[in-house]
Amino acid sequence: MAAPLTDDDVGKTVVDAEGKTLGIVSSVENDTAFVNPNPSMLEQLLSKIGMEDTDGEDYTVTEDMLESVGEEIVLRGEI
């Protein structure tokens, strides 16, 4: 199992099992990451400094979907 999601993961890139970028983490709440699939340059910067909020475009990633959490968040292949 991957490391739990924390506020330290905000701003990280989320990729699928093949390494395709899926978005960036805009916030983490209750072990769920909210991922912005099309962040603007400003949203990327704000996310890295913890000032980005979720919006209707964001999708959720839960801990059971994770392969690994490091410099980027990698999702499992069998989701």
C-alpha atoms as a PDB file:
ATOM      1  CA  MET A   1       0.000   0.000   0.000  1.00  0.00           C
ATOM      2  CA  ALA A   2       1.187   3.512  -0.800  1.00  0.00           C
ATOM      3  CA  ALA A   3       1.867   6.176   1.806  1.00  0.00           C
ATOM      4  CA  PRO A   4      -1.234   8.016   3.045  1.00  0.00           C
ATOM      5  CA  LEU A   5      -2.249  11.251   1.325  1.00  0.00           C
ATOM      6  CA  THR A   6      -1.443  14.409   3.273  1.00  0.00           C
ATOM      7  CA  ASP A   7      -1.400  18.168   2.767  1.00  0.00           C
ATOM      8  CA  ASP A   8       2.246  17.739   1.699  1.00  0.00           C
ATOM      9  CA  ASP A   9       0.936  16.153  -1.521  1.00  0.00           C
ATOM     10  CA  VAL A  10      -0.793  19.363  -2.660  1.00  0.00           C
ATOM     11  CA  GLY A  11       0.872  20.552  -5.871  1.00  0.00           C
ATOM     12  CA  LYS A  12       2.183  17.117  -6.866  1.00  0.00           C
ATOM     13  CA  THR A  13       1.598  15.759 -10.343  1.00  0.00           C
ATOM     14  CA  VAL A  14      -0.709  12.748 -10.647  1.00  0.00           C
ATOM     15  CA  VAL A  15       0.170  10.171 -13.326  1.00  0.00           C
ATOM     16  CA  ASP A  16      -1.371   6.902 -14.485  1.00  0.00           C
ATOM     17  CA  ALA A  17       0.459   3.555 -14.510  1.00  0.00           C
ATOM     18  CA  GLU A  18       1.997   4.368 -17.921  1.00  0.00           C
ATOM     19  CA  GLY A  19       3.292   7.754 -16.724  1.00  0.00           C
ATOM     20  CA  LYS A  20       0.699   9.930 -18.486  1.00  0.00           C
ATOM     21  CA  THR A  21       0.065  13.162 -16.564  1.00  0.00           C
ATOM     22  CA  LEU A  22      -3.509  13.370 -15.278  1.00  0.00           C
ATOM     23  CA  GLY A  23      -3.340  16.665 -13.362  1.00  0.00           C
ATOM     24  CA  ILE A  24      -2.103  18.165 -10.109  1.00  0.00           C
ATOM     25  CA  VAL A  25      -3.356  17.785  -6.559  1.00  0.00           C
ATOM     26  CA  SER A  26      -5.241  20.941  -5.574  1.00  0.00           C
ATOM     27  CA  SER A  27      -6.143  19.803  -2.040  1.00  0.00           C
ATOM     28  CA  VAL A  28      -6.281  16.790   0.282  1.00  0.00           C
ATOM     29  CA  GLU A  29      -9.154  16.175   2.684  1.00  0.00           C
ATOM     30  CA  ASN A  30      -9.863  13.030   4.720  1.00  0.00           C
ATOM     31  CA  ASP A  31      -7.379  10.826   2.818  1.00  0.00           C
ATOM     32  CA  THR A  32      -8.805  11.952  -0.551  1.00  0.00           C
ATOM     33  CA  ALA A  33      -6.876  14.021  -3.089  1.00  0.00           C
ATOM     34  CA  PHE A  34      -8.731  16.470  -5.318  1.00  0.00           C
ATOM     35  CA  VAL A  35      -6.998  16.602  -8.697  1.00  0.00           C
ATOM     36  CA  ASN A  36      -7.258  19.450 -11.196  1.00  0.00           C
ATOM     37  CA  PRO A  37      -6.978  17.844 -14.662  1.00  0.00           C
ATOM     38  CA  ASN A  38      -6.261  21.095 -16.539  1.00  0.00           C
ATOM     39  CA  PRO A  39      -4.420  23.479 -14.239  1.00  0.00           C
ATOM     40  CA  SER A  40      -3.365  26.855 -15.572  1.00  0.00           C
ATOM     41  CA  MET A  41       0.125  28.129 -14.822  1.00  0.00           C
ATOM     42  CA  LEU A  42      -1.320  30.304 -12.035  1.00  0.00           C
ATOM     43  CA  GLU A  43      -3.249  27.358 -10.544  1.00  0.00           C
ATOM     44  CA  GLN A  44      -0.067  25.245 -10.589  1.00  0.00           C
ATOM     45  CA  LEU A  45       1.853  27.957  -8.750  1.00  0.00           C
ATOM     46  CA  LEU A  46      -0.932  28.542  -6.205  1.00  0.00           C
ATOM     47  CA  SER A  47      -1.230  24.800  -5.611  1.00  0.00           C
ATOM     48  CA  LYS A  48       2.481  24.461  -4.892  1.00  0.00           C
ATOM     49  CA  ILE A  49       2.224  27.119  -2.182  1.00  0.00           C
ATOM     50  CA  GLY A  50      -1.025  25.690  -0.778  1.00  0.00           C
ATOM     51  CA  MET A  51      -3.423  28.378  -1.969  1.00  0.00           C
ATOM     52  CA  GLU A  52      -5.431  26.456  -4.600  1.00  0.00           C
ATOM     53  CA  ASP A  53      -8.989  25.364  -3.814  1.00  0.00           C
ATOM     54  CA  THR A  54     -11.071  22.614  -5.374  1.00  0.00           C
ATOM     55  CA  ASP A  55     -13.613  23.391  -8.046  1.00  0.00           C
ATOM     56  CA  GLY A  56     -16.213  21.551 -10.131  1.00  0.00           C
ATOM     57  CA  GLU A  57     -13.548  20.404 -12.589  1.00  0.00           C
ATOM     58  CA  ASP A  58     -11.539  18.481  -9.983  1.00  0.00           C
ATOM     59  CA  TYR A  59     -11.848  14.723  -9.602  1.00  0.00           C
ATOM     60  CA  THR A  60     -11.074  12.628  -6.537  1.00  0.00           C
ATOM     61  CA  VAL A  61      -8.324  10.098  -5.922  1.00  0.00           C
ATOM     62  CA  THR A  62      -8.548   7.860  -2.868  1.00  0.00           C
ATOM     63  CA  GLU A  63      -5.743   5.948  -1.190  1.00  0.00           C
ATOM     64  CA  ASP A  64      -6.936   2.595  -2.567  1.00  0.00           C
ATOM     65  CA  MET A  65      -6.242   3.928  -6.099  1.00  0.00           C
ATOM     66  CA  LEU A  66      -2.554   4.623  -5.393  1.00  0.00           C
ATOM     67  CA  GLU A  67       0.466   2.668  -6.556  1.00  0.00           C
ATOM     68  CA  SER A  68       2.994   5.049  -4.993  1.00  0.00           C
ATOM     69  CA  VAL A  69       3.415   8.519  -3.523  1.00  0.00           C
ATOM     70  CA  GLY A  70       6.758  10.267  -3.925  1.00  0.00           C
ATOM     71  CA  GLU A  71       7.790  13.236  -6.032  1.00  0.00           C
ATOM     72  CA  GLU A  72       4.636  12.461  -8.007  1.00  0.00           C
ATOM     73  CA  ILE A  73       1.550  10.384  -7.296  1.00  0.00           C
ATOM     74  CA  VAL A  74       1.235   7.225  -9.405  1.00  0.00           C
ATOM     75  CA  LEU A  75      -2.132   5.521  -9.787  1.00  0.00           C
ATOM     76  CA  ARG A  76      -2.478   1.755 -10.014  1.00  0.00           C
ATOM     77  CA  GLY A  77      -3.000   0.222 -13.445  1.00  0.00           C
ATOM     78  CA  GLU A  78      -6.124  -1.757 -12.563  1.00  0.00           C
ATOM     79  CA  ILE A  79      -8.380   1.136 -11.588  1.00  0.00           C
END
